[in-house]
Amino acid sequence: MNKKENLFTTTLRLNLNNAQDMEAWNNLMSTDRNQPEYSSYSRTVVTAINDHFARQDRMEEQQEWETALLKKIEATIRETVTSCLKEFQITTVQPKAEKSEPPAQPDPPDETEANIEAFLDCF
């Protein structure tokens, strides 16, 4: 295969009235031509493109890792709080009435687990 057939040519246009384009131009002009990745405009553009996409991939991996970590932390906290609260006995004490009142209705069945779940759903 001929070397010329393996080349891709494009044109880079910079509008020097645009702040981002002007920054890119200044960066291109200030590169150290003795460094291999900045030996030409083409090398500089190739390095920048590859760095950009590599950074995007790393950011996506980082976000996936952080999401998994947060889910694990949430599950651990939920399990710990649930197990701690299950050990508590919750009882209510009716104040002594000075007047004679009709007998109080018995408390509904213990809803400790439901209360714990409702509490944890607030987070």
PDB file of N, CA and C in Angstrom:
ATOM      1  N   MET A   1       0.842  -1.180   0.000  1.00  0.00           N
ATOM      2  CA  MET A   1       0.000   0.000   0.000  1.00  0.00           C
ATOM      3  C   MET A   1       0.884   1.238   0.000  1.00  0.00           C
ATOM      4  N   ASN A   2       0.558   2.162  -0.805  1.00  0.00           N
ATOM      5  CA  ASN A   2       1.300   3.411  -0.925  1.00  0.00           C
ATOM      6  C   ASN A   2       1.081   4.266   0.323  1.00  0.00           C
ATOM      7  N   LYS A   3       2.137   4.914   0.805  1.00  0.00           N
ATOM      8  CA  LYS A   3       2.014   5.748   2.009  1.00  0.00           C
ATOM      9  C   LYS A   3       1.009   6.877   1.819  1.00  0.00           C
ATOM     10  N   LYS A   4       0.923   7.435   0.634  1.00  0.00           N
ATOM     11  CA  LYS A   4       0.006   8.548   0.367  1.00  0.00           C
ATOM     12  C   LYS A   4      -1.452   8.118   0.528  1.00  0.00           C
ATOM     13  N   GLU A   5      -1.757   6.858   0.248  1.00  0.00           N
ATOM     14  CA  GLU A   5      -3.124   6.368   0.362  1.00  0.00           C
ATOM     15  C   GLU A   5      -3.558   6.250   1.816  1.00  0.00           C
ATOM     16  N   ASN A   6      -2.619   6.274   2.725  1.00  0.00           N
ATOM     17  CA  ASN A   6      -2.912   6.088   4.133  1.00  0.00           C
ATOM     18  C   ASN A   6      -2.963   7.419   4.887  1.00  0.00           C
ATOM     19  N   LEU A   7      -3.048   8.537   4.197  1.00  0.00           N
ATOM     20  CA  LEU A   7      -3.070   9.855   4.823  1.00  0.00           C
ATOM     21  C   LEU A   7      -4.472  10.449   4.750  1.00  0.00           C
ATOM     22  N   PHE A   8      -4.808  11.191   5.775  1.00  0.00           N
ATOM     23  CA  PHE A   8      -6.071  11.928   5.812  1.00  0.00           C
ATOM     24  C   PHE A   8      -5.703  13.397   5.954  1.00  0.00           C
ATOM     25  N   THR A   9      -6.235  14.227   5.099  1.00  0.00           N
ATOM     26  CA  THR A   9      -5.919  15.647   5.139  1.00  0.00           C
ATOM     27  C   THR A   9      -7.181  16.420   5.460  1.00  0.00           C
ATOM     28  N   THR A  10      -7.038  17.382   6.340  1.00  0.00           N
ATOM     29  CA  THR A  10      -8.150  18.254   6.684  1.00  0.00           C
ATOM     30  C   THR A  10      -7.587  19.649   6.932  1.00  0.00           C
ATOM     31  N   THR A  11      -8.457  20.605   7.054  1.00  0.00           N
ATOM     32  CA  THR A  11      -8.038  21.976   7.288  1.00  0.00           C
ATOM     33  C   THR A  11      -8.560  22.410   8.650  1.00  0.00           C
ATOM     34  N   LEU A  12      -7.713  23.072   9.387  1.00  0.00           N
ATOM     35  CA  LEU A  12      -8.106  23.623  10.681  1.00  0.00           C
ATOM     36  C   LEU A  12      -8.304  25.120  10.491  1.00  0.00           C
ATOM     37  N   ARG A  13      -9.496  25.583  10.719  1.00  0.00           N
ATOM     38  CA  ARG A  13      -9.781  27.010  10.594  1.00  0.00           C
ATOM     39  C   ARG A  13     -10.031  27.572  11.983  1.00  0.00           C
ATOM     40  N   LEU A  14      -9.373  28.647  12.273  1.00  0.00           N
ATOM     41  CA  LEU A  14      -9.550  29.317  13.562  1.00  0.00           C
ATOM     42  C   LEU A  14     -10.025  30.741  13.312  1.00  0.00           C
ATOM     43  N   ASN A  15     -11.116  31.102  13.950  1.00  0.00           N
ATOM     44  CA  ASN A  15     -11.632  32.469  13.871  1.00  0.00           C
ATOM     45  C   ASN A  15     -11.006  33.241  15.027  1.00  0.00           C
ATOM     46  N   LEU A  16     -10.062  34.085  14.736  1.00  0.00           N
ATOM     47  CA  LEU A  16      -9.321  34.778  15.787  1.00  0.00           C
ATOM     48  C   LEU A  16     -10.146  35.864  16.479  1.00  0.00           C
ATOM     49  N   ASN A  17     -11.393  36.051  16.052  1.00  0.00           N
ATOM     50  CA  ASN A  17     -12.316  36.939  16.769  1.00  0.00           C
ATOM     51  C   ASN A  17     -13.060  36.177  17.867  1.00  0.00           C
ATOM     52  N   ASN A  18     -12.942  34.854  17.840  1.00  0.00           N
ATOM     53  CA  ASN A  18     -13.583  34.000  18.835  1.00  0.00           C
ATOM     54  C   ASN A  18     -12.560  33.699  19.930  1.00  0.00           C
ATOM     55  N   ALA A  19     -12.950  33.880  21.194  1.00  0.00           N
ATOM     56  CA  ALA A  19     -12.020  33.733  22.316  1.00  0.00           C
ATOM     57  C   ALA A  19     -11.426  32.321  22.390  1.00  0.00           C
ATOM     58  N   GLN A  20     -12.246  31.290  22.196  1.00  0.00           N
ATOM     59  CA  GLN A  20     -11.736  29.916  22.261  1.00  0.00           C
ATOM     60  C   GLN A  20     -10.763  29.633  21.108  1.00  0.00           C
ATOM     61  N   ASP A  21     -11.117  30.100  19.926  1.00  0.00           N
ATOM     62  CA  ASP A  21     -10.226  29.905  18.783  1.00  0.00           C
ATOM     63  C   ASP A  21      -8.900  30.637  19.004  1.00  0.00           C
ATOM     64  N   MET A  22      -8.980  31.838  19.549  1.00  0.00           N
ATOM     65  CA  MET A  22      -7.767  32.612  19.805  1.00  0.00           C
ATOM     66  C   MET A  22      -6.897  31.913  20.848  1.00  0.00           C
ATOM     67  N   GLU A  23      -7.526  31.332  21.873  1.00  0.00           N
ATOM     68  CA  GLU A  23      -6.778  30.576  22.881  1.00  0.00           C
ATOM     69  C   GLU A  23      -6.082  29.377  22.238  1.00  0.00           C
ATOM     70  N   ALA A  24      -6.786  28.670  21.347  1.00  0.00           N
ATOM     71  CA  ALA A  24      -6.193  27.532  20.642  1.00  0.00           C
ATOM     72  C   ALA A  24      -5.002  27.999  19.795  1.00  0.00           C
ATOM     73  N   TRP A  25      -5.157  29.100  19.109  1.00  0.00           N
ATOM     74  CA  TRP A  25      -4.072  29.642  18.287  1.00  0.00           C
ATOM     75  C   TRP A  25      -2.861  29.974  19.152  1.00  0.00           C
ATOM     76  N   ASN A  26      -3.096  30.650  20.276  1.00  0.00           N
ATOM     77  CA  ASN A  26      -1.991  31.001  21.170  1.00  0.00           C
ATOM     78  C   ASN A  26      -1.297  29.753  21.709  1.00  0.00           C
ATOM     79  N   ASN A  27      -2.085  28.724  22.019  1.00  0.00           N
ATOM     80  CA  ASN A  27      -1.490  27.473  22.493  1.00  0.00           C
ATOM     81  C   ASN A  27      -0.638  26.823  21.397  1.00  0.00           C
ATOM     82  N   LEU A  28      -1.139  26.828  20.173  1.00  0.00           N
ATOM     83  CA  LEU A  28      -0.365  26.257  19.066  1.00  0.00           C
ATOM     84  C   LEU A  28       0.943  27.028  18.849  1.00  0.00           C
ATOM     85  N   MET A  29       0.888  28.325  18.988  1.00  0.00           N
ATOM     86  CA  MET A  29       2.072  29.149  18.753  1.00  0.00           C
ATOM     87  C   MET A  29       3.097  29.026  19.885  1.00  0.00           C
ATOM     88  N   SER A  30       2.637  28.666  21.076  1.00  0.00           N
ATOM     89  CA  SER A  30       3.551  28.631  22.216  1.00  0.00           C
ATOM     90  C   SER A  30       4.088  27.233  22.523  1.00  0.00           C
ATOM     91  N   THR A  31       3.713  26.236  21.718  1.00  0.00           N
ATOM     92  CA  THR A  31       4.197  24.869  21.987  1.00  0.00           C
ATOM     93  C   THR A  31       5.689  24.761  21.732  1.00  0.00           C
ATOM     94  N   ASP A  32       6.301  23.886  22.486  1.00  0.00           N
ATOM     95  CA  ASP A  32       7.731  23.620  22.348  1.00  0.00           C
ATOM     96  C   ASP A  32       7.924  22.591  21.249  1.00  0.00           C
ATOM     97  N   ARG A  33       8.452  23.004  20.114  1.00  0.00           N
ATOM     98  CA  ARG A  33       8.609  22.129  18.944  1.00  0.00           C
ATOM     99  C   ARG A  33       9.650  21.028  19.176  1.00  0.00           C
ATOM    100  N   ASN A  34      10.387  21.110  20.287  1.00  0.00           N
ATOM    101  CA  ASN A  34      11.377  20.074  20.585  1.00  0.00           C
ATOM    102  C   ASN A  34      10.743  18.848  21.240  1.00  0.00           C
ATOM    103  N   GLN A  35       9.499  18.992  21.709  1.00  0.00           N
ATOM    104  CA  GLN A  35       8.803  17.856  22.308  1.00  0.00           C
ATOM    105  C   GLN A  35       8.096  17.082  21.185  1.00  0.00           C
ATOM    106  N   PRO A  36       8.222  15.755  21.170  1.00  0.00           N
ATOM    107  CA  PRO A  36       7.673  14.966  20.049  1.00  0.00           C
ATOM    108  C   PRO A  36       6.174  15.171  19.818  1.00  0.00           C
ATOM    109  N   GLU A  37       5.398  15.293  20.894  1.00  0.00           N
ATOM    110  CA  GLU A  37       3.949  15.433  20.703  1.00  0.00           C
ATOM    111  C   GLU A  37       3.555  16.797  20.150  1.00  0.00           C
ATOM    112  N   TYR A  38       4.493  17.760  20.137  1.00  0.00           N
ATOM    113  CA  TYR A  38       4.225  19.095  19.606  1.00  0.00           C
ATOM    114  C   TYR A  38       5.135  19.430  18.432  1.00  0.00           C
ATOM    115  N   SER A  39       5.692  18.417  17.770  1.00  0.00           N
ATOM    116  CA  SER A  39       6.660  18.664  16.698  1.00  0.00           C
ATOM    117  C   SER A  39       6.019  19.305  15.468  1.00  0.00           C
ATOM    118  N   SER A  40       4.705  19.199  15.337  1.00  0.00           N
ATOM    119  CA  SER A  40       3.995  19.836  14.224  1.00  0.00           C
ATOM    120  C   SER A  40       2.568  20.116  14.668  1.00  0.00           C
ATOM    121  N   TYR A  41       1.853  20.905  13.881  1.00  0.00           N
ATOM    122  CA  TYR A  41       0.448  21.160  14.197  1.00  0.00           C
ATOM    123  C   TYR A  41      -0.334  19.853  14.194  1.00  0.00           C
ATOM    124  N   SER A  42      -0.026  18.991  13.236  1.00  0.00           N
ATOM    125  CA  SER A  42      -0.736  17.710  13.147  1.00  0.00           C
ATOM    126  C   SER A  42      -0.516  16.872  14.404  1.00  0.00           C
ATOM    127  N   ARG A  43       0.731  16.776  14.864  1.00  0.00           N
ATOM    128  CA  ARG A  43       1.031  16.019  16.084  1.00  0.00           C
ATOM    129  C   ARG A  43       0.293  16.627  17.267  1.00  0.00           C
ATOM    130  N   THR A  44       0.254  17.946  17.349  1.00  0.00           N
ATOM    131  CA  THR A  44      -0.416  18.636  18.452  1.00  0.00           C
ATOM    132  C   THR A  44      -1.912  18.338  18.447  1.00  0.00           C
ATOM    133  N   VAL A  45      -2.524  18.417  17.264  1.00  0.00           N
ATOM    134  CA  VAL A  45      -3.961  18.158  17.146  1.00  0.00           C
ATOM    135  C   VAL A  45      -4.268  16.695  17.469  1.00  0.00           C
ATOM    136  N   VAL A  46      -3.453  15.775  16.975  1.00  0.00           N
ATOM    137  CA  VAL A  46      -3.647  14.344  17.267  1.00  0.00           C
ATOM    138  C   VAL A  46      -3.548  14.097  18.767  1.00  0.00           C
ATOM    139  N   THR A  47      -2.539  14.679  19.424  1.00  0.00           N
ATOM    140  CA  THR A  47      -2.369  14.517  20.872  1.00  0.00           C
ATOM    141  C   THR A  47      -3.580  15.064  21.617  1.00  0.00           C
ATOM    142  N   ALA A  48      -4.055  16.242  21.202  1.00  0.00           N
ATOM    143  CA  ALA A  48      -5.201  16.865  21.873  1.00  0.00           C
ATOM    144  C   ALA A  48      -6.472  16.038  21.707  1.00  0.00           C
ATOM    145  N   ILE A  49      -6.708  15.545  20.505  1.00  0.00           N
ATOM    146  CA  ILE A  49      -7.915  14.732  20.252  1.00  0.00           C
ATOM    147  C   ILE A  49      -7.874  13.451  21.075  1.00  0.00           C
ATOM    148  N   ASN A  50      -6.746  12.760  21.036  1.00  0.00           N
ATOM    149  CA  ASN A  50      -6.640  11.498  21.784  1.00  0.00           C
ATOM    150  C   ASN A  50      -6.761  11.731  23.283  1.00  0.00           C
ATOM    151  N   ASP A  51      -6.153  12.797  23.786  1.00  0.00           N
ATOM    152  CA  ASP A  51      -6.251  13.117  25.206  1.00  0.00           C
ATOM    153  C   ASP A  51      -7.692  13.427  25.598  1.00  0.00           C
ATOM    154  N   HIS A  52      -8.386  14.166  24.751  1.00  0.00           N
ATOM    155  CA  HIS A  52      -9.785  14.520  25.039  1.00  0.00           C
ATOM    156  C   HIS A  52     -10.656  13.274  25.190  1.00  0.00           C
ATOM    157  N   PHE A  53     -10.559  12.367  24.238  1.00  0.00           N
ATOM    158  CA  PHE A  53     -11.408  11.172  24.291  1.00  0.00           C
ATOM    159  C   PHE A  53     -10.990  10.214  25.403  1.00  0.00           C
ATOM    160  N   ALA A  54      -9.713  10.135  25.690  1.00  0.00           N
ATOM    161  CA  ALA A  54      -9.259   9.296  26.809  1.00  0.00           C
ATOM    162  C   ALA A  54      -9.798   9.855  28.121  1.00  0.00           C
ATOM    163  N   ARG A  55      -9.793  11.175  28.252  1.00  0.00           N
ATOM    164  CA  ARG A  55     -10.312  11.801  29.468  1.00  0.00           C
ATOM    165  C   ARG A  55     -11.811  11.571  29.605  1.00  0.00           C
ATOM    166  N   GLN A  56     -12.551  11.629  28.495  1.00  0.00           N
ATOM    167  CA  GLN A  56     -13.991  11.364  28.526  1.00  0.00           C
ATOM    168  C   GLN A  56     -14.267   9.945  29.017  1.00  0.00           C
ATOM    169  N   ASP A  57     -13.491   8.981  28.514  1.00  0.00           N
ATOM    170  CA  ASP A  57     -13.669   7.583  28.936  1.00  0.00           C
ATOM    171  C   ASP A  57     -13.383   7.426  30.426  1.00  0.00           C
ATOM    172  N   ARG A  58     -12.324   8.075  30.910  1.00  0.00           N
ATOM    173  CA  ARG A  58     -11.983   7.988  32.335  1.00  0.00           C
ATOM    174  C   ARG A  58     -13.087   8.609  33.189  1.00  0.00           C
ATOM    175  N   MET A  59     -13.669   9.718  32.720  1.00  0.00           N
ATOM    176  CA  MET A  59     -14.739  10.368  33.482  1.00  0.00           C
ATOM    177  C   MET A  59     -15.962   9.459  33.582  1.00  0.00           C
ATOM    178  N   GLU A  60     -16.314   8.772  32.495  1.00  0.00           N
ATOM    179  CA  GLU A  60     -17.458   7.858  32.516  1.00  0.00           C
ATOM    180  C   GLU A  60     -17.204   6.695  33.478  1.00  0.00           C
ATOM    181  N   GLU A  61     -15.995   6.144  33.446  1.00  0.00           N
ATOM    182  CA  GLU A  61     -15.648   5.056  34.363  1.00  0.00           C
ATOM    183  C   GLU A  61     -15.693   5.535  35.806  1.00  0.00           C
ATOM    184  N   GLN A  62     -15.215   6.756  36.054  1.00  0.00           N
ATOM    185  CA  GLN A  62     -15.220   7.330  37.401  1.00  0.00           C
ATOM    186  C   GLN A  62     -16.652   7.503  37.895  1.00  0.00           C
ATOM    187  N   GLN A  63     -17.540   7.986  37.034  1.00  0.00           N
ATOM    188  CA  GLN A  63     -18.936   8.176  37.432  1.00  0.00           C
ATOM    189  C   GLN A  63     -19.602   6.843  37.748  1.00  0.00           C
ATOM    190  N   GLU A  64     -19.326   5.816  36.953  1.00  0.00           N
ATOM    191  CA  GLU A  64     -19.902   4.493  37.224  1.00  0.00           C
ATOM    192  C   GLU A  64     -19.394   3.962  38.563  1.00  0.00           C
ATOM    193  N   TRP A  65     -18.106   4.137  38.826  1.00  0.00           N
ATOM    194  CA  TRP A  65     -17.513   3.677  40.079  1.00  0.00           C
ATOM    195  C   TRP A  65     -18.121   4.426  41.263  1.00  0.00           C
ATOM    196  N   GLU A  66     -18.288   5.753  41.148  1.00  0.00           N
ATOM    197  CA  GLU A  66     -18.863   6.545  42.239  1.00  0.00           C
ATOM    198  C   GLU A  66     -20.302   6.143  42.500  1.00  0.00           C
ATOM    199  N   THR A  67     -21.074   5.894  41.449  1.00  0.00           N
ATOM    200  CA  THR A  67     -22.470   5.481  41.619  1.00  0.00           C
ATOM    201  C   THR A  67     -22.546   4.143  42.349  1.00  0.00           C
ATOM    202  N   ALA A  68     -21.715   3.200  41.964  1.00  0.00           N
ATOM    203  CA  ALA A  68     -21.700   1.892  42.628  1.00  0.00           C
ATOM    204  C   ALA A  68     -21.290   2.030  44.095  1.00  0.00           C
ATOM    205  N   LEU A  69     -20.301   2.874  44.366  1.00  0.00           N
ATOM    206  CA  LEU A  69     -19.858   3.087  45.740  1.00  0.00           C
ATOM    207  C   LEU A  69     -20.965   3.704  46.583  1.00  0.00           C
ATOM    208  N   LEU A  70     -21.646   4.715  46.054  1.00  0.00           N
ATOM    209  CA  LEU A  70     -22.733   5.357  46.800  1.00  0.00           C
ATOM    210  C   LEU A  70     -23.862   4.374  47.101  1.00  0.00           C
ATOM    211  N   LYS A  71     -24.190   3.515  46.145  1.00  0.00           N
ATOM    212  CA  LYS A  71     -25.239   2.510  46.382  1.00  0.00           C
ATOM    213  C   LYS A  71     -24.818   1.549  47.489  1.00  0.00           C
ATOM    214  N   LYS A  72     -23.552   1.160  47.495  1.00  0.00           N
ATOM    215  CA  LYS A  72     -23.057   0.246  48.521  1.00  0.00           C
ATOM    216  C   LYS A  72     -23.083   0.917  49.894  1.00  0.00           C
ATOM    217  N   ILE A  73     -22.684   2.182  49.953  1.00  0.00           N
ATOM    218  CA  ILE A  73     -22.708   2.923  51.219  1.00  0.00           C
ATOM    219  C   ILE A  73     -24.143   3.047  51.721  1.00  0.00           C
ATOM    220  N   GLU A  74     -25.066   3.382  50.834  1.00  0.00           N
ATOM    221  CA  GLU A  74     -26.470   3.523  51.219  1.00  0.00           C
ATOM    222  C   GLU A  74     -27.021   2.205  51.765  1.00  0.00           C
ATOM    223  N   ALA A  75     -26.715   1.108  51.094  1.00  0.00           N
ATOM    224  CA  ALA A  75     -27.200  -0.206  51.546  1.00  0.00           C
ATOM    225  C   ALA A  75     -26.616  -0.564  52.906  1.00  0.00           C
ATOM    226  N   THR A  76     -25.348  -0.265  53.119  1.00  0.00           N
ATOM    227  CA  THR A  76     -24.704  -0.560  54.407  1.00  0.00           C
ATOM    228  C   THR A  76     -25.335   0.255  55.528  1.00  0.00           C
ATOM    229  N   ILE A  77     -25.566   1.526  55.270  1.00  0.00           N
ATOM    230  CA  ILE A  77     -26.198   2.385  56.287  1.00  0.00           C
ATOM    231  C   ILE A  77     -27.605   1.894  56.589  1.00  0.00           C
ATOM    232  N   ARG A  78     -28.352   1.563  55.533  1.00  0.00           N
ATOM    233  CA  ARG A  78     -29.732   1.089  55.720  1.00  0.00           C
ATOM    234  C   ARG A  78     -29.752  -0.187  56.569  1.00  0.00           C
ATOM    235  N   GLU A  79     -28.873  -1.142  56.260  1.00  0.00           N
ATOM    236  CA  GLU A  79     -28.811  -2.401  57.010  1.00  0.00           C
ATOM    237  C   GLU A  79     -28.416  -2.157  58.471  1.00  0.00           C
ATOM    238  N   THR A  80     -27.438  -1.280  58.683  1.00  0.00           N
ATOM    239  CA  THR A  80     -26.972  -1.003  60.044  1.00  0.00           C
ATOM    240  C   THR A  80     -28.055  -0.334  60.873  1.00  0.00           C
ATOM    241  N   VAL A  81     -28.681   0.688  60.320  1.00  0.00           N
ATOM    242  CA  VAL A  81     -29.733   1.394  61.063  1.00  0.00           C
ATOM    243  C   VAL A  81     -30.903   0.467  61.324  1.00  0.00           C
ATOM    244  N   THR A  82     -31.280  -0.319  60.341  1.00  0.00           N
ATOM    245  CA  THR A  82     -32.396  -1.252  60.527  1.00  0.00           C
ATOM    246  C   THR A  82     -32.101  -2.257  61.636  1.00  0.00           C
ATOM    247  N   SER A  83     -30.912  -2.833  61.634  1.00  0.00           N
ATOM    248  CA  SER A  83     -30.584  -3.825  62.659  1.00  0.00           C
ATOM    249  C   SER A  83     -30.502  -3.179  64.042  1.00  0.00           C
ATOM    250  N   CYS A  84     -30.019  -1.953  64.119  1.00  0.00           N
ATOM    251  CA  CYS A  84     -29.942  -1.275  65.423  1.00  0.00           C
ATOM    252  C   CYS A  84     -31.333  -0.927  65.955  1.00  0.00           C
ATOM    253  N   LEU A  85     -32.189  -0.444  65.070  1.00  0.00           N
ATOM    254  CA  LEU A  85     -33.520  -0.027  65.519  1.00  0.00           C
ATOM    255  C   LEU A  85     -34.411  -1.221  65.858  1.00  0.00           C
ATOM    256  N   LYS A  86     -34.153  -2.384  65.291  1.00  0.00           N
ATOM    257  CA  LYS A  86     -34.966  -3.564  65.599  1.00  0.00           C
ATOM    258  C   LYS A  86     -34.776  -4.011  67.049  1.00  0.00           C
ATOM    259  N   GLU A  87     -33.656  -3.674  67.648  1.00  0.00           N
ATOM    260  CA  GLU A  87     -33.375  -4.088  69.017  1.00  0.00           C
ATOM    261  C   GLU A  87     -34.101  -3.234  70.054  1.00  0.00           C
ATOM    262  N   PHE A  88     -34.600  -2.097  69.634  1.00  0.00           N
ATOM    263  CA  PHE A  88     -35.291  -1.219  70.577  1.00  0.00           C
ATOM    264  C   PHE A  88     -36.732  -1.662  70.759  1.00  0.00           C
ATOM    265  N   GLN A  89     -37.185  -1.598  72.012  1.00  0.00           N
ATOM    266  CA  GLN A  89     -38.586  -1.829  72.309  1.00  0.00           C
ATOM    267  C   GLN A  89     -39.241  -0.466  72.493  1.00  0.00           C
ATOM    268  N   ILE A  90     -40.222  -0.197  71.704  1.00  0.00           N
ATOM    269  CA  ILE A  90     -40.906   1.093  71.793  1.00  0.00           C
ATOM    270  C   ILE A  90     -42.236   0.877  72.494  1.00  0.00           C
ATOM    271  N   THR A  91     -42.373   1.570  73.612  1.00  0.00           N
ATOM    272  CA  THR A  91     -43.632   1.499  74.343  1.00  0.00           C
ATOM    273  C   THR A  91     -44.105   2.912  74.604  1.00  0.00           C
ATOM    274  N   THR A  92     -45.402   3.052  74.701  1.00  0.00           N
ATOM    275  CA  THR A  92     -45.956   4.371  75.001  1.00  0.00           C
ATOM    276  C   THR A  92     -46.582   4.312  76.384  1.00  0.00           C
ATOM    277  N   VAL A  93     -46.436   5.390  77.098  1.00  0.00           N
ATOM    278  CA  VAL A  93     -47.007   5.486  78.437  1.00  0.00           C
ATOM    279  C   VAL A  93     -48.079   6.559  78.395  1.00  0.00           C
ATOM    280  N   GLN A  94     -49.257   6.178  78.803  1.00  0.00           N
ATOM    281  CA  GLN A  94     -50.366   7.126  78.838  1.00  0.00           C
ATOM    282  C   GLN A  94     -50.262   7.958  80.114  1.00  0.00           C
ATOM    283  N   PRO A  95     -50.378   9.260  80.003  1.00  0.00           N
ATOM    284  CA  PRO A  95     -50.351  10.082  81.221  1.00  0.00           C
ATOM    285  C   PRO A  95     -51.578   9.755  82.074  1.00  0.00           C
ATOM    286  N   LYS A  96     -51.384   9.868  83.369  1.00  0.00           N
ATOM    287  CA  LYS A  96     -52.497   9.605  84.270  1.00  0.00           C
ATOM    288  C   LYS A  96     -53.494  10.738  84.144  1.00  0.00           C
ATOM    289  N   ALA A  97     -54.721  10.357  83.934  1.00  0.00           N
ATOM    290  CA  ALA A  97     -55.766  11.360  83.781  1.00  0.00           C
ATOM    291  C   ALA A  97     -56.305  11.725  85.148  1.00  0.00           C
ATOM    292  N   GLU A  98     -56.455  13.020  85.359  1.00  0.00           N
ATOM    293  CA  GLU A  98     -57.005  13.479  86.636  1.00  0.00           C
ATOM    294  C   GLU A  98     -58.511  13.323  86.637  1.00  0.00           C
ATOM    295  N   LYS A  99     -59.091  13.459  85.478  1.00  0.00           N
ATOM    296  CA  LYS A  99     -60.531  13.268  85.379  1.00  0.00           C
ATOM    297  C   LYS A  99     -60.781  11.846  84.928  1.00  0.00           C
ATOM    298  N   SER A 100     -61.937  11.397  85.220  1.00  0.00           N
ATOM    299  CA  SER A 100     -62.246  10.054  84.762  1.00  0.00           C
ATOM    300  C   SER A 100     -62.630  10.147  83.290  1.00  0.00           C
ATOM    301  N   GLU A 101     -61.857   9.450  82.488  1.00  0.00           N
ATOM    302  CA  GLU A 101     -62.100   9.435  81.048  1.00  0.00           C
ATOM    303  C   GLU A 101     -62.409   8.007  80.636  1.00  0.00           C
ATOM    304  N   PRO A 102     -63.042   7.874  79.503  1.00  0.00           N
ATOM    305  CA  PRO A 102     -63.301   6.506  79.051  1.00  0.00           C
ATOM    306  C   PRO A 102     -61.966   5.801  78.797  1.00  0.00           C
ATOM    307  N   PRO A 103     -61.933   4.498  78.945  1.00  0.00           N
ATOM    308  CA  PRO A 103     -60.680   3.778  78.751  1.00  0.00           C
ATOM    309  C   PRO A 103     -60.143   4.002  77.328  1.00  0.00           C
ATOM    310  N   ALA A 104     -58.856   4.137  77.268  1.00  0.00           N
ATOM    311  CA  ALA A 104     -58.203   4.373  75.976  1.00  0.00           C
ATOM    312  C   ALA A 104     -58.272   3.120  75.117  1.00  0.00           C
ATOM    313  N   GLN A 105     -58.320   3.351  73.826  1.00  0.00           N
ATOM    314  CA  GLN A 105     -58.324   2.227  72.888  1.00  0.00           C
ATOM    315  C   GLN A 105     -56.937   1.583  72.900  1.00  0.00           C
ATOM    316  N   PRO A 106     -56.857   0.286  72.772  1.00  0.00           N
ATOM    317  CA  PRO A 106     -55.532  -0.347  72.742  1.00  0.00           C
ATOM    318  C   PRO A 106     -54.749   0.128  71.508  1.00  0.00           C
ATOM    319  N   ASP A 107     -53.419   0.171  71.667  1.00  0.00           N
ATOM    320  CA  ASP A 107     -52.554   0.585  70.559  1.00  0.00           C
ATOM    321  C   ASP A 107     -52.662  -0.423  69.419  1.00  0.00           C
ATOM    322  N   PRO A 108     -52.525   0.079  68.225  1.00  0.00           N
ATOM    323  CA  PRO A 108     -52.546  -0.861  67.099  1.00  0.00           C
ATOM    324  C   PRO A 108     -51.326  -1.785  67.187  1.00  0.00           C
ATOM    325  N   PRO A 109     -51.312  -2.843  66.438  1.00  0.00           N
ATOM    326  CA  PRO A 109     -50.181  -3.772  66.493  1.00  0.00           C
ATOM    327  C   PRO A 109     -48.858  -3.041  66.218  1.00  0.00           C
ATOM    328  N   ASP A 110     -47.792  -3.620  66.750  1.00  0.00           N
ATOM    329  CA  ASP A 110     -46.463  -3.031  66.616  1.00  0.00           C
ATOM    330  C   ASP A 110     -46.109  -2.885  65.134  1.00  0.00           C
ATOM    331  N   GLU A 111     -45.793  -1.656  64.727  1.00  0.00           N
ATOM    332  CA  GLU A 111     -45.440  -1.384  63.325  1.00  0.00           C
ATOM    333  C   GLU A 111     -43.996  -0.909  63.236  1.00  0.00           C
ATOM    334  N   THR A 112     -43.150  -1.459  64.107  1.00  0.00           N
ATOM    335  CA  THR A 112     -41.761  -0.991  64.184  1.00  0.00           C
ATOM    336  C   THR A 112     -41.061  -1.081  62.841  1.00  0.00           C
ATOM    337  N   GLU A 113     -41.170  -2.224  62.167  1.00  0.00           N
ATOM    338  CA  GLU A 113     -40.470  -2.375  60.891  1.00  0.00           C
ATOM    339  C   GLU A 113     -40.994  -1.397  59.857  1.00  0.00           C
ATOM    340  N   ALA A 114     -42.308  -1.202  59.831  1.00  0.00           N
ATOM    341  CA  ALA A 114     -42.877  -0.258  58.872  1.00  0.00           C
ATOM    342  C   ALA A 114     -42.389   1.155  59.172  1.00  0.00           C
ATOM    343  N   ASN A 115     -42.309   1.504  60.470  1.00  0.00           N
ATOM    344  CA  ASN A 115     -41.819   2.832  60.847  1.00  0.00           C
ATOM    345  C   ASN A 115     -40.356   3.008  60.472  1.00  0.00           C
ATOM    346  N   ILE A 116     -39.571   1.969  60.669  1.00  0.00           N
ATOM    347  CA  ILE A 116     -38.151   2.027  60.309  1.00  0.00           C
ATOM    348  C   ILE A 116     -38.013   2.234  58.799  1.00  0.00           C
ATOM    349  N   GLU A 117     -38.753   1.471  58.013  1.00  0.00           N
ATOM    350  CA  GLU A 117     -38.681   1.601  56.556  1.00  0.00           C
ATOM    351  C   GLU A 117     -39.120   2.999  56.124  1.00  0.00           C
ATOM    352  N   ALA A 118     -40.188   3.520  56.740  1.00  0.00           N
ATOM    353  CA  ALA A 118     -40.651   4.865  56.393  1.00  0.00           C
ATOM    354  C   ALA A 118     -39.592   5.894  56.722  1.00  0.00           C
ATOM    355  N   PHE A 119     -38.934   5.714  57.874  1.00  0.00           N
ATOM    356  CA  PHE A 119     -37.846   6.623  58.282  1.00  0.00           C
ATOM    357  C   PHE A 119     -36.692   6.568  57.293  1.00  0.00           C
ATOM    358  N   LEU A 120     -36.291   5.365  56.905  1.00  0.00           N
ATOM    359  CA  LEU A 120     -35.150   5.212  56.003  1.00  0.00           C
ATOM    360  C   LEU A 120     -35.463   5.708  54.592  1.00  0.00           C
ATOM    361  N   ASP A 121     -36.731   5.671  54.202  1.00  0.00           N
ATOM    362  CA  ASP A 121     -37.093   6.159  52.870  1.00  0.00           C
ATOM    363  C   ASP A 121     -36.970   7.677  52.755  1.00  0.00           C
ATOM    364  N   CYS A 122     -36.817   8.345  53.898  1.00  0.00           N
ATOM    365  CA  CYS A 122     -36.624   9.794  53.878  1.00  0.00           C
ATOM    366  C   CYS A 122     -35.261  10.176  53.338  1.00  0.00           C
ATOM    367  N   PHE A 123     -34.351   9.225  53.249  1.00  0.00           N
ATOM    368  CA  PHE A 123     -32.972   9.539  52.813  1.00  0.00           C
ATOM    369  C   PHE A 123     -32.827   9.323  51.354  1.00  0.00           C
TER     370      PHE A 123
END
